[in-house]
Amino acid sequence: MIKLDSNENPYGPSPLVLFEIRRHSKEVNRYPLDIGMLEERIAEKFRVDKGCVLVAAGGDRILDFLFRVCSKKGKRFLIPVPSFQIYEMLLLKDVYEVSKRFFKMPINRGGEGTFYDEVRRGDIIVLASPNNPDGRIWSEKYVRALCEKAEVIILDEAYMDYLGRSLASLTEEYENLVVVKTFSKLYALANLRVGYLIGDIARDVRNLATPYEVSGIGVKASLAALKDEEYYKRIRRLTKKNYERLYTTLIDLGFETYGSLANFVLIKEKLDNMYEKLRKEGVLVRLCERWRGLEGRYLRISVGTGTETEILLRVIRRIKKNE
């Protein structure tokens, strides 16, 4: 199977990371070391106070922590859609007693002004940048404007590492801004479940974390990943090259295609049962059916290796030819 459904890094982590995993594999009988060393390294990277960094078992757990704390700070969750489904899954839990508002926006283009007008004092806004599944980017100017108006801004930057930049430094200016990041995407440590947040709210969220949030191997692997920026710069270049090949070819084949600066593209399903036909051919993509904010069937396709991209495109051409 060619797995292009979870936006993973198909090239895997750096050799330095793999070395650290092997080196510490003999320590699995011991409890993990304090994650403080990783939080300190992240604070150095983004030039923020160490007390404003919190590491936990994956971005999803970080979001769960944040939603719990923020539900006591604000009056309403406000989320533009389409967006990452885990937000809705978490908010539909009974523990969040504040109201929820899902605001539909045009896919990947425009609508920021209308959304801004919807924002009220007391709102907890959840944004993904780049947005999953359509790749929308929220500008620094826009995030600043929202920080001046809303109670809390949760900015999910799971895919921002593919751009090599971040708005995490703004958390030093705005106490109501929190940035969520992960080692699962560019850094290719999805199986180890290491995520983190940056923001003043870390001081409130820390009480929810357990003593051993992340495995020792996860801590060591993450520290090693941060040391090998040259390797990940190469991954960015390869991903961009493969993305451009995928994006331009899909457009040439007549698909309604939404561009992204991350490692995925969103297309509207043009061919009947294309998702099922791709799966039958051994190619897995994400079917965005019944996603809030999307009307009809869309496919989110992760950027694979060069070989995987060529196989995917060959299969799509064959399906299209047989229509």
C-alpha atoms as a PDB file:
ATOM      1  CA  MET A   1       0.000   0.000   0.000  1.00  0.00           C
ATOM      2  CA  ILE A   2       1.093   3.571  -0.691  1.00  0.00           C
ATOM      3  CA  LYS A   3      -0.002   5.503   2.390  1.00  0.00           C
ATOM      4  CA  LEU A   4      -0.917   9.095   1.530  1.00  0.00           C
ATOM      5  CA  ASP A   5      -3.793   9.592   3.971  1.00  0.00           C
ATOM      6  CA  SER A   6      -2.222  10.867   7.220  1.00  0.00           C
ATOM      7  CA  ASN A   7       0.167  13.660   6.140  1.00  0.00           C
ATOM      8  CA  GLU A   8       3.184  11.793   7.472  1.00  0.00           C
ATOM      9  CA  ASN A   9       6.781  12.431   6.470  1.00  0.00           C
ATOM     10  CA  PRO A  10       7.466   9.460   4.150  1.00  0.00           C
ATOM     11  CA  TYR A  11      11.244   9.877   4.425  1.00  0.00           C
ATOM     12  CA  GLY A  12      11.319   9.226   8.158  1.00  0.00           C
ATOM     13  CA  PRO A  13      13.412  10.940  10.856  1.00  0.00           C
ATOM     14  CA  SER A  14      17.060  11.892  10.571  1.00  0.00           C
ATOM     15  CA  PRO A  15      19.828   9.293  11.051  1.00  0.00           C
ATOM     16  CA  LEU A  16      20.796  11.098  14.252  1.00  0.00           C
ATOM     17  CA  VAL A  17      17.292  10.483  15.618  1.00  0.00           C
ATOM     18  CA  LEU A  18      17.395   6.803  14.681  1.00  0.00           C
ATOM     19  CA  PHE A  19      20.778   6.477  16.399  1.00  0.00           C
ATOM     20  CA  GLU A  20      19.370   7.974  19.609  1.00  0.00           C
ATOM     21  CA  ILE A  21      16.352   5.647  19.496  1.00  0.00           C
ATOM     22  CA  ARG A  22      18.588   2.601  19.174  1.00  0.00           C
ATOM     23  CA  ARG A  23      20.992   3.865  21.819  1.00  0.00           C
ATOM     24  CA  HIS A  24      18.252   4.330  24.406  1.00  0.00           C
ATOM     25  CA  SER A  25      16.156   1.280  23.506  1.00  0.00           C
ATOM     26  CA  LYS A  26      17.861  -0.670  26.299  1.00  0.00           C
ATOM     27  CA  GLU A  27      16.359   1.725  28.833  1.00  0.00           C
ATOM     28  CA  VAL A  28      12.715   0.793  28.210  1.00  0.00           C
ATOM     29  CA  ASN A  29      12.560  -0.855  31.642  1.00  0.00           C
ATOM     30  CA  ARG A  30      13.176   2.527  33.283  1.00  0.00           C
ATOM     31  CA  TYR A  31      10.805   5.426  33.772  1.00  0.00           C
ATOM     32  CA  PRO A  32      11.454   8.386  31.478  1.00  0.00           C
ATOM     33  CA  LEU A  33      13.668  11.299  32.339  1.00  0.00           C
ATOM     34  CA  ASP A  34      12.180  14.686  33.113  1.00  0.00           C
ATOM     35  CA  ILE A  35      10.871  16.350  29.943  1.00  0.00           C
ATOM     36  CA  GLY A  36      12.278  19.627  31.246  1.00  0.00           C
ATOM     37  CA  MET A  37      15.381  19.327  29.088  1.00  0.00           C
ATOM     38  CA  LEU A  38      13.225  19.181  25.961  1.00  0.00           C
ATOM     39  CA  GLU A  39      11.090  22.115  27.099  1.00  0.00           C
ATOM     40  CA  GLU A  40      14.266  24.105  27.715  1.00  0.00           C
ATOM     41  CA  ARG A  41      15.587  23.329  24.214  1.00  0.00           C
ATOM     42  CA  ILE A  42      12.270  24.347  22.622  1.00  0.00           C
ATOM     43  CA  ALA A  43      12.297  27.587  24.612  1.00  0.00           C
ATOM     44  CA  GLU A  44      15.799  28.323  23.291  1.00  0.00           C
ATOM     45  CA  LYS A  45      14.752  27.596  19.718  1.00  0.00           C
ATOM     46  CA  PHE A  46      11.814  29.999  19.810  1.00  0.00           C
ATOM     47  CA  ARG A  47      13.395  32.456  22.246  1.00  0.00           C
ATOM     48  CA  VAL A  48      10.643  32.273  24.828  1.00  0.00           C
ATOM     49  CA  ASP A  49      10.594  31.700  28.565  1.00  0.00           C
ATOM     50  CA  LYS A  50      10.915  28.022  29.527  1.00  0.00           C
ATOM     51  CA  GLY A  51       7.877  28.354  31.783  1.00  0.00           C
ATOM     52  CA  CYS A  52       5.784  29.068  28.682  1.00  0.00           C
ATOM     53  CA  VAL A  53       6.575  25.705  27.077  1.00  0.00           C
ATOM     54  CA  LEU A  54       4.719  22.492  27.864  1.00  0.00           C
ATOM     55  CA  VAL A  55       5.480  19.109  26.281  1.00  0.00           C
ATOM     56  CA  ALA A  56       2.902  16.314  26.295  1.00  0.00           C
ATOM     57  CA  ALA A  57       1.959  13.103  24.503  1.00  0.00           C
ATOM     58  CA  GLY A  58       1.120  14.485  21.071  1.00  0.00           C
ATOM     59  CA  GLY A  59      -0.662  17.508  19.673  1.00  0.00           C
ATOM     60  CA  ASP A  60      -4.098  15.982  20.278  1.00  0.00           C
ATOM     61  CA  ARG A  61      -3.427  15.712  24.011  1.00  0.00           C
ATOM     62  CA  ILE A  62      -2.137  19.286  24.075  1.00  0.00           C
ATOM     63  CA  LEU A  63      -5.372  20.438  22.425  1.00  0.00           C
ATOM     64  CA  ASP A  64      -7.445  18.463  24.928  1.00  0.00           C
ATOM     65  CA  PHE A  65      -5.586  20.146  27.787  1.00  0.00           C
ATOM     66  CA  LEU A  66      -6.086  23.569  26.222  1.00  0.00           C
ATOM     67  CA  PHE A  67      -9.784  23.096  25.581  1.00  0.00           C
ATOM     68  CA  ARG A  68     -10.321  22.101  29.190  1.00  0.00           C
ATOM     69  CA  VAL A  69      -8.527  25.159  30.541  1.00  0.00           C
ATOM     70  CA  CYS A  70      -9.925  27.603  27.980  1.00  0.00           C
ATOM     71  CA  SER A  71     -13.502  26.470  28.536  1.00  0.00           C
ATOM     72  CA  LYS A  72     -13.200  28.107  31.960  1.00  0.00           C
ATOM     73  CA  LYS A  73     -11.707  31.310  30.573  1.00  0.00           C
ATOM     74  CA  GLY A  74     -14.023  32.136  27.665  1.00  0.00           C
ATOM     75  CA  LYS A  75     -17.686  32.148  26.766  1.00  0.00           C
ATOM     76  CA  ARG A  76     -17.653  30.507  23.337  1.00  0.00           C
ATOM     77  CA  PHE A  77     -15.436  28.401  21.081  1.00  0.00           C
ATOM     78  CA  LEU A  78     -15.329  29.874  17.572  1.00  0.00           C
ATOM     79  CA  ILE A  79     -13.788  27.750  14.819  1.00  0.00           C
ATOM     80  CA  PRO A  80     -13.640  28.483  11.090  1.00  0.00           C
ATOM     81  CA  VAL A  81     -14.395  25.408   8.997  1.00  0.00           C
ATOM     82  CA  PRO A  82     -13.416  23.285   7.205  1.00  0.00           C
ATOM     83  CA  SER A  83     -10.654  22.477   9.653  1.00  0.00           C
ATOM     84  CA  PHE A  84      -8.963  19.630  11.521  1.00  0.00           C
ATOM     85  CA  GLN A  85     -11.692  17.229  12.673  1.00  0.00           C
ATOM     86  CA  ILE A  86     -10.140  16.612  16.087  1.00  0.00           C
ATOM     87  CA  TYR A  87     -11.265  20.096  17.184  1.00  0.00           C
ATOM     88  CA  GLU A  88     -14.892  19.149  16.707  1.00  0.00           C
ATOM     89  CA  MET A  89     -14.390  15.693  18.201  1.00  0.00           C
ATOM     90  CA  LEU A  90     -12.929  17.196  21.362  1.00  0.00           C
ATOM     91  CA  LEU A  91     -15.479  19.981  21.659  1.00  0.00           C
ATOM     92  CA  LEU A  92     -18.433  17.642  21.372  1.00  0.00           C
ATOM     93  CA  LYS A  93     -17.401  16.010  24.634  1.00  0.00           C
ATOM     94  CA  ASP A  94     -19.754  16.776  27.487  1.00  0.00           C
ATOM     95  CA  VAL A  95     -16.975  18.278  29.630  1.00  0.00           C
ATOM     96  CA  TYR A  96     -16.997  21.534  27.634  1.00  0.00           C
ATOM     97  CA  GLU A  97     -20.096  23.398  28.782  1.00  0.00           C
ATOM     98  CA  VAL A  98     -19.444  26.641  26.869  1.00  0.00           C
ATOM     99  CA  SER A  99     -21.137  27.195  23.511  1.00  0.00           C
ATOM    100  CA  LYS A 100     -19.540  26.267  20.184  1.00  0.00           C
ATOM    101  CA  ARG A 101     -19.791  28.061  16.866  1.00  0.00           C
ATOM    102  CA  PHE A 102     -18.446  26.576  13.626  1.00  0.00           C
ATOM    103  CA  PHE A 103     -18.123  29.345  11.046  1.00  0.00           C
ATOM    104  CA  LYS A 104     -18.090  28.234   7.412  1.00  0.00           C
ATOM    105  CA  MET A 105     -15.493  29.927   5.221  1.00  0.00           C
ATOM    106  CA  PRO A 106     -14.619  29.680   1.518  1.00  0.00           C
ATOM    107  CA  ILE A 107     -12.145  26.865   0.951  1.00  0.00           C
ATOM    108  CA  ASN A 108      -8.577  28.179   1.001  1.00  0.00           C
ATOM    109  CA  ARG A 109      -9.438  31.694  -0.131  1.00  0.00           C
ATOM    110  CA  GLY A 110     -10.932  34.886   1.329  1.00  0.00           C
ATOM    111  CA  GLY A 111     -13.501  35.295   4.062  1.00  0.00           C
ATOM    112  CA  GLU A 112     -11.130  36.551   6.784  1.00  0.00           C
ATOM    113  CA  GLY A 113     -12.969  39.856   7.098  1.00  0.00           C
ATOM    114  CA  THR A 114     -16.324  38.174   7.574  1.00  0.00           C
ATOM    115  CA  PHE A 115     -14.849  35.862  10.187  1.00  0.00           C
ATOM    116  CA  TYR A 116     -13.266  38.789  12.029  1.00  0.00           C
ATOM    117  CA  ASP A 117     -16.647  40.528  12.197  1.00  0.00           C
ATOM    118  CA  GLU A 118     -18.065  37.408  13.838  1.00  0.00           C
ATOM    119  CA  VAL A 119     -15.508  37.498  16.684  1.00  0.00           C
ATOM    120  CA  ARG A 120     -16.802  38.673  20.063  1.00  0.00           C
ATOM    121  CA  ARG A 121     -15.197  39.399  23.395  1.00  0.00           C
ATOM    122  CA  GLY A 122     -14.929  36.161  25.336  1.00  0.00           C
ATOM    123  CA  ASP A 123     -14.368  34.013  22.240  1.00  0.00           C
ATOM    124  CA  ILE A 124     -11.846  31.179  22.187  1.00  0.00           C
ATOM    125  CA  ILE A 125     -10.673  30.932  18.580  1.00  0.00           C
ATOM    126  CA  VAL A 126      -9.011  27.807  17.198  1.00  0.00           C
ATOM    127  CA  LEU A 127      -7.007  28.255  13.995  1.00  0.00           C
ATOM    128  CA  ALA A 128      -4.767  25.849  12.097  1.00  0.00           C
ATOM    129  CA  SER A 129      -2.027  27.402   9.978  1.00  0.00           C
ATOM    130  CA  PRO A 130      -1.504  25.862   7.467  1.00  0.00           C
ATOM    131  CA  ASN A 131      -5.079  24.677   7.807  1.00  0.00           C
ATOM    132  CA  ASN A 132      -5.968  21.022   7.496  1.00  0.00           C
ATOM    133  CA  PRO A 133      -7.402  20.078   4.992  1.00  0.00           C
ATOM    134  CA  ASP A 134      -7.295  23.070   2.631  1.00  0.00           C
ATOM    135  CA  GLY A 135      -3.898  24.639   3.365  1.00  0.00           C
ATOM    136  CA  ARG A 136      -5.074  28.132   4.355  1.00  0.00           C
ATOM    137  CA  ILE A 137      -2.406  30.318   5.999  1.00  0.00           C
ATOM    138  CA  TRP A 138      -3.317  32.919   8.633  1.00  0.00           C
ATOM    139  CA  SER A 139      -1.074  35.989   8.377  1.00  0.00           C
ATOM    140  CA  GLU A 140       0.758  37.534  11.317  1.00  0.00           C
ATOM    141  CA  LYS A 141      -1.201  40.763  10.845  1.00  0.00           C
ATOM    142  CA  TYR A 142      -4.495  38.886  11.037  1.00  0.00           C
ATOM    143  CA  VAL A 143      -3.486  36.861  14.104  1.00  0.00           C
ATOM    144  CA  ARG A 144      -2.433  40.074  15.847  1.00  0.00           C
ATOM    145  CA  ALA A 145      -5.826  41.633  15.087  1.00  0.00           C
ATOM    146  CA  LEU A 146      -7.630  38.609  16.511  1.00  0.00           C
ATOM    147  CA  CYS A 147      -5.484  38.712  19.653  1.00  0.00           C
ATOM    148  CA  GLU A 148      -6.683  42.270  20.253  1.00  0.00           C
ATOM    149  CA  LYS A 149     -10.308  41.201  20.040  1.00  0.00           C
ATOM    150  CA  ALA A 150     -10.771  37.634  21.361  1.00  0.00           C
ATOM    151  CA  GLU A 151     -10.265  36.068  24.778  1.00  0.00           C
ATOM    152  CA  VAL A 152      -7.883  33.308  23.647  1.00  0.00           C
ATOM    153  CA  ILE A 153      -6.310  32.393  20.290  1.00  0.00           C
ATOM    154  CA  ILE A 154      -5.167  28.786  19.864  1.00  0.00           C
ATOM    155  CA  LEU A 155      -2.917  28.637  16.794  1.00  0.00           C
ATOM    156  CA  ASP A 156      -2.213  25.090  15.638  1.00  0.00           C
ATOM    157  CA  GLU A 157       1.081  25.081  13.722  1.00  0.00           C
ATOM    158  CA  ALA A 158       1.375  21.330  13.181  1.00  0.00           C
ATOM    159  CA  TYR A 159       2.420  21.877   9.551  1.00  0.00           C
ATOM    160  CA  MET A 160       4.230  25.211   9.879  1.00  0.00           C
ATOM    161  CA  ASP A 161       7.586  23.441  10.182  1.00  0.00           C
ATOM    162  CA  TYR A 162       7.314  22.683   6.467  1.00  0.00           C
ATOM    163  CA  LEU A 163       7.607  26.437   5.909  1.00  0.00           C
ATOM    164  CA  GLY A 164      10.479  26.835   8.350  1.00  0.00           C
ATOM    165  CA  ARG A 165       8.784  29.629  10.255  1.00  0.00           C
ATOM    166  CA  SER A 166       6.437  30.222  13.191  1.00  0.00           C
ATOM    167  CA  LEU A 167       4.418  32.892  14.997  1.00  0.00           C
ATOM    168  CA  ALA A 168       5.478  31.515  18.382  1.00  0.00           C
ATOM    169  CA  SER A 169       7.428  34.698  19.169  1.00  0.00           C
ATOM    170  CA  LEU A 170       4.118  36.596  19.306  1.00  0.00           C
ATOM    171  CA  THR A 171       3.283  34.751  22.531  1.00  0.00           C
ATOM    172  CA  GLU A 172       5.784  37.090  24.224  1.00  0.00           C
ATOM    173  CA  GLU A 173       3.558  40.033  23.237  1.00  0.00           C
ATOM    174  CA  TYR A 174       0.114  38.486  23.662  1.00  0.00           C
ATOM    175  CA  GLU A 175      -0.695  36.542  26.807  1.00  0.00           C
ATOM    176  CA  ASN A 176      -3.893  35.279  25.184  1.00  0.00           C
ATOM    177  CA  LEU A 177      -2.073  33.586  22.285  1.00  0.00           C
ATOM    178  CA  VAL A 178      -0.962  29.960  22.477  1.00  0.00           C
ATOM    179  CA  VAL A 179       0.841  28.125  19.682  1.00  0.00           C
ATOM    180  CA  VAL A 180       0.556  24.336  19.360  1.00  0.00           C
ATOM    181  CA  LYS A 181       3.285  22.375  17.585  1.00  0.00           C
ATOM    182  CA  THR A 182       4.272  18.747  17.114  1.00  0.00           C
ATOM    183  CA  PHE A 183       7.154  16.431  16.233  1.00  0.00           C
ATOM    184  CA  SER A 184       4.768  14.177  14.282  1.00  0.00           C
ATOM    185  CA  LYS A 185       4.868  15.904  10.885  1.00  0.00           C
ATOM    186  CA  LEU A 186       8.130  17.297   9.466  1.00  0.00           C
ATOM    187  CA  TYR A 187      10.194  15.656  12.225  1.00  0.00           C
ATOM    188  CA  ALA A 188       8.601  12.257  11.454  1.00  0.00           C
ATOM    189  CA  LEU A 189       8.056  11.097  15.048  1.00  0.00           C
ATOM    190  CA  ALA A 190       4.311  10.449  14.801  1.00  0.00           C
ATOM    191  CA  ASN A 191       4.609   7.039  16.474  1.00  0.00           C
ATOM    192  CA  LEU A 192       6.376   8.494  19.513  1.00  0.00           C
ATOM    193  CA  ARG A 193       3.613  11.062  20.291  1.00  0.00           C
ATOM    194  CA  VAL A 194       5.447  14.253  21.209  1.00  0.00           C
ATOM    195  CA  GLY A 195       3.647  17.592  21.002  1.00  0.00           C
ATOM    196  CA  TYR A 196       4.027  20.912  22.756  1.00  0.00           C
ATOM    197  CA  LEU A 197       2.510  24.313  23.326  1.00  0.00           C
ATOM    198  CA  ILE A 198       4.104  27.736  23.632  1.00  0.00           C
ATOM    199  CA  GLY A 199       2.332  30.471  25.533  1.00  0.00           C
ATOM    200  CA  ASP A 200       1.672  31.972  28.934  1.00  0.00           C
ATOM    201  CA  ILE A 201      -1.265  29.579  29.373  1.00  0.00           C
ATOM    202  CA  ALA A 202       1.269  26.760  29.870  1.00  0.00           C
ATOM    203  CA  ARG A 203       1.378  27.738  33.534  1.00  0.00           C
ATOM    204  CA  ASP A 204      -2.331  26.843  33.881  1.00  0.00           C
ATOM    205  CA  VAL A 205      -2.225  23.764  31.664  1.00  0.00           C
ATOM    206  CA  ARG A 206       0.740  22.201  33.471  1.00  0.00           C
ATOM    207  CA  ASN A 207      -1.487  21.064  36.329  1.00  0.00           C
ATOM    208  CA  LEU A 208      -3.273  18.671  33.952  1.00  0.00           C
ATOM    209  CA  ALA A 209      -0.103  16.917  32.788  1.00  0.00           C
ATOM    210  CA  THR A 210       1.070  13.671  34.373  1.00  0.00           C
ATOM    211  CA  PRO A 211       4.650  13.125  35.652  1.00  0.00           C
ATOM    212  CA  TYR A 212       5.562  10.887  32.693  1.00  0.00           C
ATOM    213  CA  GLU A 213       3.780  12.511  29.760  1.00  0.00           C
ATOM    214  CA  VAL A 214       6.312  11.442  27.115  1.00  0.00           C
ATOM    215  CA  SER A 215       8.527   8.369  26.875  1.00  0.00           C
ATOM    216  CA  GLY A 216      12.252   8.766  27.424  1.00  0.00           C
ATOM    217  CA  ILE A 217      12.874   7.627  23.858  1.00  0.00           C
ATOM    218  CA  GLY A 218      10.427  10.277  22.655  1.00  0.00           C
ATOM    219  CA  VAL A 219      12.330  12.976  24.567  1.00  0.00           C
ATOM    220  CA  LYS A 220      15.719  11.837  23.275  1.00  0.00           C
ATOM    221  CA  ALA A 221      14.452  11.501  19.703  1.00  0.00           C
ATOM    222  CA  SER A 222      12.921  14.980  19.784  1.00  0.00           C
ATOM    223  CA  LEU A 223      16.115  16.514  21.143  1.00  0.00           C
ATOM    224  CA  ALA A 224      18.096  14.798  18.384  1.00  0.00           C
ATOM    225  CA  ALA A 225      15.651  16.028  15.732  1.00  0.00           C
ATOM    226  CA  LEU A 226      16.160  19.621  16.846  1.00  0.00           C
ATOM    227  CA  LYS A 227      19.920  19.171  16.426  1.00  0.00           C
ATOM    228  CA  ASP A 228      19.713  18.000  12.814  1.00  0.00           C
ATOM    229  CA  GLU A 229      18.182  20.985  11.045  1.00  0.00           C
ATOM    230  CA  GLU A 230      20.217  20.312   7.886  1.00  0.00           C
ATOM    231  CA  TYR A 231      18.457  16.984   7.395  1.00  0.00           C
ATOM    232  CA  TYR A 232      15.026  18.574   7.792  1.00  0.00           C
ATOM    233  CA  LYS A 233      15.909  21.408   5.427  1.00  0.00           C
ATOM    234  CA  ARG A 234      16.530  18.681   2.858  1.00  0.00           C
ATOM    235  CA  ILE A 235      13.125  17.149   3.651  1.00  0.00           C
ATOM    236  CA  ARG A 236      11.512  20.546   3.068  1.00  0.00           C
ATOM    237  CA  ARG A 237      13.162  20.804  -0.342  1.00  0.00           C
ATOM    238  CA  LEU A 238      12.148  17.270  -1.344  1.00  0.00           C
ATOM    239  CA  THR A 239       8.588  17.790  -0.125  1.00  0.00           C
ATOM    240  CA  LYS A 240       8.276  21.053  -2.043  1.00  0.00           C
ATOM    241  CA  LYS A 241       9.597  19.432  -5.227  1.00  0.00           C
ATOM    242  CA  ASN A 242       7.194  16.484  -4.959  1.00  0.00           C
ATOM    243  CA  TYR A 243       4.326  18.794  -4.011  1.00  0.00           C
ATOM    244  CA  GLU A 244       4.826  20.954  -7.090  1.00  0.00           C
ATOM    245  CA  ARG A 245       4.856  17.866  -9.287  1.00  0.00           C
ATOM    246  CA  LEU A 246       1.638  16.597  -7.684  1.00  0.00           C
ATOM    247  CA  TYR A 247      -0.157  19.950  -7.658  1.00  0.00           C
ATOM    248  CA  THR A 248       0.586  20.973 -11.241  1.00  0.00           C
ATOM    249  CA  THR A 249      -0.247  17.540 -12.647  1.00  0.00           C
ATOM    250  CA  LEU A 250      -3.582  17.390 -10.821  1.00  0.00           C
ATOM    251  CA  ILE A 251      -4.484  20.760 -12.311  1.00  0.00           C
ATOM    252  CA  ASP A 252      -3.415  19.577 -15.778  1.00  0.00           C
ATOM    253  CA  LEU A 253      -5.683  16.540 -15.329  1.00  0.00           C
ATOM    254  CA  GLY A 254      -8.628  18.880 -14.730  1.00  0.00           C
ATOM    255  CA  PHE A 255      -9.103  18.532 -10.973  1.00  0.00           C
ATOM    256  CA  GLU A 256     -10.357  21.361  -8.782  1.00  0.00           C
ATOM    257  CA  THR A 257      -7.198  21.617  -6.708  1.00  0.00           C
ATOM    258  CA  TYR A 258      -6.487  23.733  -3.626  1.00  0.00           C
ATOM    259  CA  GLY A 259      -2.876  24.736  -3.094  1.00  0.00           C
ATOM    260  CA  SER A 260      -0.999  24.315   0.156  1.00  0.00           C
ATOM    261  CA  LEU A 261       2.328  25.291   1.671  1.00  0.00           C
ATOM    262  CA  ALA A 262       2.314  22.103   3.731  1.00  0.00           C
ATOM    263  CA  ASN A 263       2.715  18.453   2.713  1.00  0.00           C
ATOM    264  CA  PHE A 264      -0.765  17.840   1.302  1.00  0.00           C
ATOM    265  CA  VAL A 265      -3.229  19.010  -1.323  1.00  0.00           C
ATOM    266  CA  LEU A 266      -7.015  18.996  -1.335  1.00  0.00           C
ATOM    267  CA  ILE A 267      -8.961  18.154  -4.477  1.00  0.00           C
ATOM    268  CA  LYS A 268     -12.631  17.802  -5.250  1.00  0.00           C
ATOM    269  CA  GLU A 269     -13.435  14.258  -6.286  1.00  0.00           C
ATOM    270  CA  LYS A 270     -14.078  14.547 -10.002  1.00  0.00           C
ATOM    271  CA  LEU A 271     -14.276  10.880 -10.960  1.00  0.00           C
ATOM    272  CA  ASP A 272     -16.973   8.537  -9.637  1.00  0.00           C
ATOM    273  CA  ASN A 273     -15.798   6.573  -6.595  1.00  0.00           C
ATOM    274  CA  MET A 274     -12.232   7.763  -7.113  1.00  0.00           C
ATOM    275  CA  TYR A 275     -11.377   7.159  -3.453  1.00  0.00           C
ATOM    276  CA  GLU A 276     -12.511   3.543  -3.630  1.00  0.00           C
ATOM    277  CA  LYS A 277     -10.743   3.013  -6.955  1.00  0.00           C
ATOM    278  CA  LEU A 278      -7.480   4.394  -5.594  1.00  0.00           C
ATOM    279  CA  ARG A 279      -7.770   2.146  -2.559  1.00  0.00           C
ATOM    280  CA  LYS A 280      -8.365  -0.867  -4.783  1.00  0.00           C
ATOM    281  CA  GLU A 281      -5.136   0.024  -6.600  1.00  0.00           C
ATOM    282  CA  GLY A 282      -3.261   0.121  -3.292  1.00  0.00           C
ATOM    283  CA  VAL A 283      -3.161   3.907  -2.833  1.00  0.00           C
ATOM    284  CA  LEU A 284      -4.579   5.310   0.406  1.00  0.00           C
ATOM    285  CA  VAL A 285      -5.754   8.945   0.505  1.00  0.00           C
ATOM    286  CA  ARG A 286      -8.069  10.708   2.961  1.00  0.00           C
ATOM    287  CA  LEU A 287     -11.729  10.892   1.994  1.00  0.00           C
ATOM    288  CA  CYS A 288     -13.073  14.203   3.330  1.00  0.00           C
ATOM    289  CA  GLU A 289     -16.716  13.259   3.223  1.00  0.00           C
ATOM    290  CA  ARG A 290     -19.172  14.816   5.656  1.00  0.00           C
ATOM    291  CA  TRP A 291     -16.489  17.156   6.977  1.00  0.00           C
ATOM    292  CA  ARG A 292     -18.094  20.225   8.445  1.00  0.00           C
ATOM    293  CA  GLY A 293     -17.623  23.074   5.969  1.00  0.00           C
ATOM    294  CA  LEU A 294     -17.125  20.836   2.917  1.00  0.00           C
ATOM    295  CA  GLU A 295     -19.997  20.092   0.574  1.00  0.00           C
ATOM    296  CA  GLY A 296     -19.555  16.948  -1.489  1.00  0.00           C
ATOM    297  CA  ARG A 297     -16.636  14.564  -1.600  1.00  0.00           C
ATOM    298  CA  TYR A 298     -13.072  15.845  -1.376  1.00  0.00           C
ATOM    299  CA  LEU A 299      -9.786  13.972  -1.245  1.00  0.00           C
ATOM    300  CA  ARG A 300      -6.840  15.134   0.825  1.00  0.00           C
ATOM    301  CA  ILE A 301      -3.645  13.711  -0.601  1.00  0.00           C
ATOM    302  CA  SER A 302      -0.380  13.684   1.342  1.00  0.00           C
ATOM    303  CA  VAL A 303       2.843  14.427  -0.502  1.00  0.00           C
ATOM    304  CA  GLY A 304       4.785  11.191  -0.751  1.00  0.00           C
ATOM    305  CA  THR A 305       8.254  10.412  -2.016  1.00  0.00           C
ATOM    306  CA  GLY A 306       9.061  11.056  -5.651  1.00  0.00           C
ATOM    307  CA  THR A 307       8.353   7.419  -6.505  1.00  0.00           C
ATOM    308  CA  GLU A 308       5.085   7.371  -4.571  1.00  0.00           C
ATOM    309  CA  THR A 309       3.975  10.570  -6.296  1.00  0.00           C
ATOM    310  CA  GLU A 310       4.624   9.103  -9.740  1.00  0.00           C
ATOM    311  CA  ILE A 311       2.738   5.897  -8.891  1.00  0.00           C
ATOM    312  CA  LEU A 312      -0.211   7.911  -7.578  1.00  0.00           C
ATOM    313  CA  LEU A 313      -0.361  10.037 -10.715  1.00  0.00           C
ATOM    314  CA  ARG A 314      -0.076   6.976 -12.944  1.00  0.00           C
ATOM    315  CA  VAL A 315      -3.001   5.334 -11.153  1.00  0.00           C
ATOM    316  CA  ILE A 316      -5.100   8.518 -11.388  1.00  0.00           C
ATOM    317  CA  ARG A 317      -4.448   8.739 -15.129  1.00  0.00           C
ATOM    318  CA  ARG A 318      -5.503   5.129 -15.547  1.00  0.00           C
ATOM    319  CA  ILE A 319      -8.706   5.692 -13.585  1.00  0.00           C
ATOM    320  CA  LYS A 320      -9.455   8.813 -15.597  1.00  0.00           C
ATOM    321  CA  LYS A 321      -8.833   6.992 -18.889  1.00  0.00           C
ATOM    322  CA  ASN A 322     -11.230   4.218 -17.931  1.00  0.00           C
ATOM    323  CA  GLU A 323     -14.075   6.602 -17.026  1.00  0.00           C
END
